[in-house]
């Protein structure tokens, strides 16, 4: 079992909080095109922030 990296936790937490902040600031986001429109909820933006935070951490290690 690997130990938990405190630096990794900071990156992922920061990404999650940034995603939540963007979602709360912008509000209901969506994608519109010739196919119609699709709403993107706060959960997806928050999860994307966590993934981006993990990816940035992975790029530095």
N, C-alpha and C. Protein backbone atom coordinates (compact mmCIF):
# COMPACT_ATOMS: atom_id res chain seq x y z
N UNK A 1 0.83 -1.16 0.00
CA UNK A 1 0.00 0.00 0.00
C UNK A 1 0.89 1.24 0.00
N UNK A 2 0.62 2.15 -0.94
CA UNK A 2 1.41 3.37 -1.02
C UNK A 2 0.93 4.39 0.00
N UNK A 3 1.86 5.22 0.44
CA UNK A 3 1.48 6.29 1.34
C UNK A 3 0.81 7.41 0.54
N UNK A 4 -0.01 8.17 1.20
CA UNK A 4 -0.71 9.27 0.54
C UNK A 4 0.22 10.48 0.52
N UNK A 5 0.38 11.04 -0.67
CA UNK A 5 1.24 12.20 -0.85
C UNK A 5 0.50 13.47 -0.43
N UNK A 6 1.02 14.19 0.57
CA UNK A 6 0.36 15.45 0.96
C UNK A 6 0.32 16.47 -0.19
N UNK A 7 1.37 16.48 -1.00
CA UNK A 7 1.40 17.40 -2.14
C UNK A 7 0.31 17.04 -3.15
N UNK A 8 0.12 15.75 -3.40
CA UNK A 8 -0.92 15.31 -4.31
C UNK A 8 -2.30 15.67 -3.81
N UNK A 9 -2.50 15.53 -2.51
CA UNK A 9 -3.79 15.89 -1.91
C UNK A 9 -4.06 17.38 -2.10
N UNK A 10 -3.03 18.20 -1.95
CA UNK A 10 -3.19 19.65 -2.12
C UNK A 10 -3.58 19.98 -3.56
N UNK A 11 -2.92 19.36 -4.53
CA UNK A 11 -3.23 19.63 -5.94
C UNK A 11 -4.66 19.22 -6.28
N UNK A 12 -5.06 18.03 -5.84
CA UNK A 12 -6.41 17.54 -6.15
C UNK A 12 -7.47 18.37 -5.43
N UNK A 13 -7.23 18.73 -4.19
CA UNK A 13 -8.18 19.56 -3.45
C UNK A 13 -8.30 20.94 -4.07
N UNK A 14 -7.18 21.52 -4.46
CA UNK A 14 -7.21 22.83 -5.11
C UNK A 14 -7.98 22.76 -6.42
N UNK A 15 -7.76 21.73 -7.20
CA UNK A 15 -8.50 21.56 -8.45
C UNK A 15 -9.99 21.40 -8.22
N UNK A 16 -10.35 20.64 -7.20
CA UNK A 16 -11.77 20.44 -6.87
C UNK A 16 -12.42 21.75 -6.44
N UNK A 17 -11.75 22.49 -5.58
CA UNK A 17 -12.30 23.76 -5.12
C UNK A 17 -12.37 24.79 -6.25
N UNK A 18 -11.40 24.77 -7.14
CA UNK A 18 -11.43 25.68 -8.29
C UNK A 18 -12.60 25.33 -9.21
N UNK A 19 -12.82 24.06 -9.45
CA UNK A 19 -13.95 23.65 -10.27
C UNK A 19 -15.28 24.05 -9.65
N UNK A 20 -15.39 23.90 -8.34
CA UNK A 20 -16.62 24.30 -7.65
C UNK A 20 -16.81 25.81 -7.71
N UNK A 21 -15.72 26.53 -7.57
CA UNK A 21 -15.79 28.00 -7.63
C UNK A 21 -16.22 28.48 -9.01
N UNK A 22 -15.64 27.90 -10.05
CA UNK A 22 -16.01 28.28 -11.42
C UNK A 22 -17.48 27.97 -11.67
N UNK A 23 -17.91 26.81 -11.23
CA UNK A 23 -19.30 26.42 -11.44
C UNK A 23 -20.26 27.34 -10.71
N UNK A 24 -19.92 27.74 -9.49
CA UNK A 24 -20.81 28.62 -8.74
C UNK A 24 -20.80 30.04 -9.28
N UNK A 25 -19.67 30.46 -9.85
CA UNK A 25 -19.58 31.81 -10.41
C UNK A 25 -20.33 31.91 -11.73
N UNK A 26 -20.09 30.96 -12.61
CA UNK A 26 -20.68 31.01 -13.94
C UNK A 26 -22.14 30.58 -13.91
N UNK A 27 -22.48 29.64 -13.07
CA UNK A 27 -23.85 29.15 -12.99
C UNK A 27 -24.09 28.01 -13.95
N UNK A 28 -25.30 27.92 -14.46
CA UNK A 28 -25.67 26.83 -15.36
C UNK A 28 -24.97 26.96 -16.71
N UNK A 29 -24.03 26.09 -16.95
CA UNK A 29 -23.30 26.09 -18.22
C UNK A 29 -23.89 25.04 -19.14
N UNK A 30 -23.57 25.15 -20.39
CA UNK A 30 -24.03 24.16 -21.35
C UNK A 30 -23.26 24.25 -22.64
N UNK A 31 -23.51 23.29 -23.50
CA UNK A 31 -22.91 23.24 -24.83
C UNK A 31 -24.07 23.24 -25.82
N UNK A 32 -24.00 24.13 -26.80
CA UNK A 32 -25.05 24.20 -27.81
C UNK A 32 -24.43 24.04 -29.19
N UNK A 33 -25.13 23.34 -30.04
CA UNK A 33 -24.67 23.15 -31.41
C UNK A 33 -25.83 22.76 -32.29
N UNK A 34 -25.51 22.26 -33.48
CA UNK A 34 -26.56 21.87 -34.42
C UNK A 34 -27.38 20.68 -33.90
N UNK A 35 -26.83 19.94 -32.95
CA UNK A 35 -27.50 18.78 -32.36
C UNK A 35 -28.51 19.19 -31.30
N UNK A 36 -28.46 20.42 -30.85
CA UNK A 36 -29.31 20.89 -29.77
C UNK A 36 -28.44 21.45 -28.66
N UNK A 37 -28.89 21.33 -27.44
CA UNK A 37 -28.14 21.85 -26.30
C UNK A 37 -28.10 20.82 -25.18
N UNK A 38 -26.99 20.83 -24.44
CA UNK A 38 -26.81 19.91 -23.32
C UNK A 38 -26.32 20.73 -22.13
N UNK A 39 -26.97 20.56 -21.00
CA UNK A 39 -26.55 21.26 -19.79
C UNK A 39 -25.41 20.53 -19.10
N UNK A 40 -24.50 21.29 -18.50
CA UNK A 40 -23.39 20.72 -17.75
C UNK A 40 -23.58 21.14 -16.30
N UNK A 41 -23.76 20.19 -15.41
CA UNK A 41 -24.03 20.47 -14.02
C UNK A 41 -22.78 20.76 -13.21
N UNK A 42 -22.99 21.23 -12.00
CA UNK A 42 -21.89 21.59 -11.10
C UNK A 42 -21.02 20.38 -10.75
N UNK A 43 -21.63 19.20 -10.64
CA UNK A 43 -20.85 18.01 -10.28
C UNK A 43 -19.80 17.69 -11.33
N UNK A 44 -20.15 17.85 -12.60
CA UNK A 44 -19.20 17.55 -13.66
C UNK A 44 -18.05 18.55 -13.69
N UNK A 45 -18.35 19.82 -13.45
CA UNK A 45 -17.29 20.83 -13.44
C UNK A 45 -16.37 20.61 -12.24
N UNK A 46 -16.93 20.28 -11.10
CA UNK A 46 -16.12 20.00 -9.91
C UNK A 46 -15.24 18.78 -10.12
N UNK A 47 -15.80 17.73 -10.71
CA UNK A 47 -15.01 16.53 -10.99
C UNK A 47 -13.90 16.82 -12.00
N UNK A 48 -14.22 17.64 -13.00
CA UNK A 48 -13.20 18.01 -13.98
C UNK A 48 -12.06 18.77 -13.31
N UNK A 49 -12.37 19.62 -12.34
CA UNK A 49 -11.33 20.32 -11.59
C UNK A 49 -10.44 19.36 -10.83
N UNK A 50 -11.03 18.32 -10.24
CA UNK A 50 -10.23 17.32 -9.52
C UNK A 50 -9.32 16.56 -10.47
N UNK A 51 -9.83 16.22 -11.64
CA UNK A 51 -9.03 15.49 -12.63
C UNK A 51 -7.89 16.37 -13.13
N UNK A 52 -8.17 17.64 -13.38
CA UNK A 52 -7.13 18.55 -13.85
C UNK A 52 -6.07 18.75 -12.77
N UNK A 53 -6.50 18.86 -11.51
CA UNK A 53 -5.53 18.97 -10.41
C UNK A 53 -4.64 17.75 -10.31
N UNK A 54 -5.21 16.56 -10.48
CA UNK A 54 -4.41 15.33 -10.45
C UNK A 54 -3.46 15.27 -11.64
N UNK A 55 -3.91 15.73 -12.80
CA UNK A 55 -3.05 15.72 -13.98
C UNK A 55 -1.88 16.68 -13.83
N UNK A 56 -2.13 17.85 -13.25
CA UNK A 56 -1.04 18.80 -13.03
C UNK A 56 -0.04 18.23 -12.03
N UNK A 57 -0.54 17.60 -10.97
CA UNK A 57 0.35 16.95 -10.01
C UNK A 57 1.19 15.87 -10.70
N UNK A 58 0.56 15.07 -11.55
CA UNK A 58 1.27 14.03 -12.27
C UNK A 58 2.32 14.58 -13.22
N UNK A 59 2.06 15.76 -13.78
CA UNK A 59 3.03 16.37 -14.69
C UNK A 59 4.27 16.83 -13.94
N UNK A 60 4.11 17.21 -12.68
CA UNK A 60 5.26 17.70 -11.92
C UNK A 60 6.04 16.60 -11.23
N UNK A 61 5.47 15.40 -11.11
CA UNK A 61 6.19 14.33 -10.42
C UNK A 61 6.69 13.30 -11.37
